Amino acid sequence: MAILTGEYRHQIDEKGRIRIPAKLKELLGSSPMIARGSNGCLIVIEKNRAEEILRKSFDTDDFSDNENTRALRIMMSSATFPDEDKQGRFQLPPNLIRDAGIIKNIVTIGAYDRAEIWSEERWEAYLNDSERSDFDTCLRSLKKNG
């Protein structure tokens, strides 16, 4: 598994098409899964990796109305596997554009095994949020989990 890193700023066009930065696109493939993520972003996961994650997360779902089923419904109803057009763009469906609050400027980040697409405004707000801005605290939590 490749590790995705970096922050890239770009724009969505008037038809809802985006370009995934070349360094990330090479690792994500030509038809990644794009779905609603946490904190108001979209997640982009390489197709085989997405299938692996979904199998591990939902294969034991008992279809009762619990938190796991709710997550499954929300994520999968928003998910798409868009094909890349001849100009290297992916079409985002209107529901994902709305869910992510994307108007024009977007930020795509590498986030370990996935990319995340943020509206520029949400990304800046996320970075400036006082609860998340203490990087040292975040690093300590990684050490506890590792």
Protein backbone atom coordinates (compact mmCIF):
# COMPACT_ATOMS: atom_id res chain seq x y z
CA MET A 1 0.00 0.00 0.00
CA ALA A 2 1.32 3.40 -0.98
CA ILE A 3 1.21 6.30 1.46
CA LEU A 4 -0.51 9.46 0.22
CA THR A 5 0.82 12.80 1.45
CA GLY A 6 0.74 16.50 0.68
CA GLU A 7 -1.66 19.41 0.33
CA TYR A 8 -2.81 20.63 -3.08
CA ARG A 9 -4.96 23.66 -3.87
CA HIS A 10 -7.04 23.83 -7.02
CA GLN A 11 -10.57 24.52 -8.26
CA ILE A 12 -13.70 22.72 -9.35
CA ASP A 13 -15.00 23.77 -12.75
CA GLU A 14 -18.53 25.00 -13.52
CA LYS A 15 -19.61 21.47 -14.52
CA GLY A 16 -18.50 19.91 -11.22
CA ARG A 17 -15.29 18.36 -12.56
CA ILE A 18 -12.05 18.18 -10.60
CA ARG A 19 -8.52 17.06 -11.22
CA ILE A 20 -6.89 14.92 -8.58
CA PRO A 21 -3.26 16.01 -8.25
CA ALA A 22 -0.95 13.80 -10.34
CA LYS A 23 1.08 12.53 -7.36
CA LEU A 24 -2.09 11.31 -5.69
CA LYS A 25 -3.90 10.14 -8.83
CA GLU A 26 -1.03 7.81 -9.70
CA LEU A 27 -1.58 6.01 -6.38
CA LEU A 28 -5.40 6.15 -6.47
CA GLY A 29 -5.85 4.74 -9.97
CA SER A 30 -8.23 5.73 -12.74
CA SER A 31 -11.52 4.89 -10.99
CA PRO A 32 -11.22 5.48 -7.24
CA MET A 33 -14.17 5.53 -4.87
CA ILE A 34 -15.22 9.02 -3.85
CA ALA A 35 -17.63 9.27 -0.92
CA ARG A 36 -18.75 11.45 1.93
CA GLY A 37 -16.13 11.54 4.70
CA SER A 38 -15.95 12.92 8.20
CA ASN A 39 -15.75 16.57 9.21
CA GLY A 40 -17.33 17.73 5.96
CA CYS A 41 -14.76 16.38 3.51
CA LEU A 42 -14.91 13.80 0.73
CA ILE A 43 -12.73 10.71 0.84
CA VAL A 44 -11.01 9.26 -2.22
CA ILE A 45 -9.82 5.66 -1.95
CA GLU A 46 -8.21 3.39 -4.53
CA LYS A 47 -10.87 0.93 -5.71
CA ASN A 48 -9.30 -2.30 -4.41
CA ARG A 49 -8.43 -0.67 -1.08
CA ALA A 50 -12.02 0.64 -0.78
CA GLU A 51 -13.41 -2.85 -1.37
CA GLU A 52 -11.05 -4.26 1.28
CA ILE A 53 -12.02 -1.62 3.86
CA LEU A 54 -15.73 -2.02 3.17
CA ARG A 55 -15.56 -5.81 3.43
CA LYS A 56 -13.77 -5.60 6.79
CA SER A 57 -16.19 -2.98 8.08
CA PHE A 58 -19.52 -4.26 6.82
CA ASP A 59 -19.34 -8.00 6.04
CA THR A 60 -20.64 -8.83 9.51
CA ASP A 61 -23.41 -6.23 9.43
CA ASP A 62 -26.60 -7.76 10.83
CA PHE A 63 -28.84 -5.27 8.98
CA SER A 64 -30.43 -4.07 12.20
CA ASP A 65 -30.81 -0.34 12.68
CA ASN A 66 -27.56 0.25 14.50
CA GLU A 67 -24.64 2.63 14.15
CA ASN A 68 -22.80 0.36 11.69
CA THR A 69 -25.82 0.11 9.40
CA ARG A 70 -26.32 3.88 9.55
CA ALA A 71 -22.68 4.45 8.55
CA LEU A 72 -23.05 1.92 5.73
CA ARG A 73 -26.18 3.61 4.39
CA ILE A 74 -24.82 7.13 4.52
CA MET A 75 -21.42 6.29 3.06
CA MET A 76 -22.56 3.97 0.30
CA SER A 77 -25.49 6.12 -0.82
CA SER A 78 -23.00 8.92 -1.40
CA ALA A 79 -20.26 6.78 -2.99
CA THR A 80 -19.31 6.88 -6.63
CA PHE A 81 -16.59 5.29 -8.75
CA PRO A 82 -16.23 7.99 -11.42
CA ASP A 83 -14.27 7.39 -14.57
CA GLU A 84 -11.55 9.80 -15.56
CA ASP A 85 -12.30 11.80 -18.72
CA LYS A 86 -9.81 12.41 -21.55
CA GLN A 87 -8.59 15.59 -19.84
CA GLY A 88 -7.85 13.76 -16.57
CA ARG A 89 -10.89 15.08 -14.67
CA PHE A 90 -13.43 13.35 -12.47
CA GLN A 91 -17.08 14.40 -12.34
CA LEU A 92 -18.35 14.95 -8.80
CA PRO A 93 -22.08 14.35 -8.33
CA PRO A 94 -24.10 17.33 -7.05
CA ASN A 95 -24.83 15.62 -3.72
CA LEU A 96 -21.11 15.27 -2.94
CA ILE A 97 -20.39 18.85 -3.97
CA ARG A 98 -23.19 19.97 -1.63
CA ASP A 99 -22.14 17.67 1.24
CA ALA A 100 -18.57 18.99 1.10
CA GLY A 101 -19.67 22.64 0.81
CA ILE A 102 -17.61 23.07 -2.33
CA ILE A 103 -18.16 26.30 -4.20
CA LYS A 104 -14.97 26.94 -6.21
CA ASN A 105 -11.68 26.51 -4.38
CA ILE A 106 -10.78 23.07 -3.07
CA VAL A 107 -7.93 21.52 -1.13
CA THR A 108 -6.95 17.91 -1.71
CA ILE A 109 -4.73 16.29 0.89
CA GLY A 110 -2.98 12.96 1.13
CA ALA A 111 -4.13 11.21 4.29
CA TYR A 112 -2.17 7.94 4.58
CA ASP A 113 -4.25 5.41 2.58
CA ARG A 114 -6.69 7.89 1.09
CA ALA A 115 -7.00 11.40 -0.25
CA GLU A 116 -9.47 13.90 1.15
CA ILE A 117 -11.15 16.67 -0.80
CA TRP A 118 -12.16 19.74 1.20
CA SER A 119 -13.72 23.05 0.35
CA GLU A 120 -10.99 25.59 1.00
CA GLU A 121 -13.14 27.25 3.65
CA ARG A 122 -13.79 24.02 5.58
CA TRP A 123 -10.13 23.00 5.42
CA GLU A 124 -9.01 26.36 6.80
CA ALA A 125 -11.65 26.19 9.54
CA TYR A 126 -10.57 22.63 10.40
CA LEU A 127 -6.93 23.68 10.70
CA ASN A 128 -7.82 26.69 12.81
CA ASP A 129 -10.21 24.86 15.14
CA SER A 130 -8.77 25.27 18.63
CA GLU A 131 -9.57 21.65 19.51
CA ARG A 132 -7.49 20.39 16.59
CA SER A 133 -4.75 22.98 16.47
CA ASP A 134 -2.61 21.49 19.24
CA PHE A 135 -0.42 19.31 17.07
CA ASP A 136 1.56 17.98 20.02
CA THR A 137 -1.63 16.56 21.57
CA CYS A 138 -2.46 14.88 18.27
CA LEU A 139 1.01 13.34 18.12
CA ARG A 140 0.67 11.99 21.67
CA SER A 141 -2.56 10.25 20.71
CA LEU A 142 -0.75 8.55 17.81
CA LYS A 143 1.90 7.24 20.19
CA LYS A 144 -0.79 5.77 22.46
CA ASN A 145 -2.42 4.00 19.51
CA GLY A 146 0.86 2.77 18.01
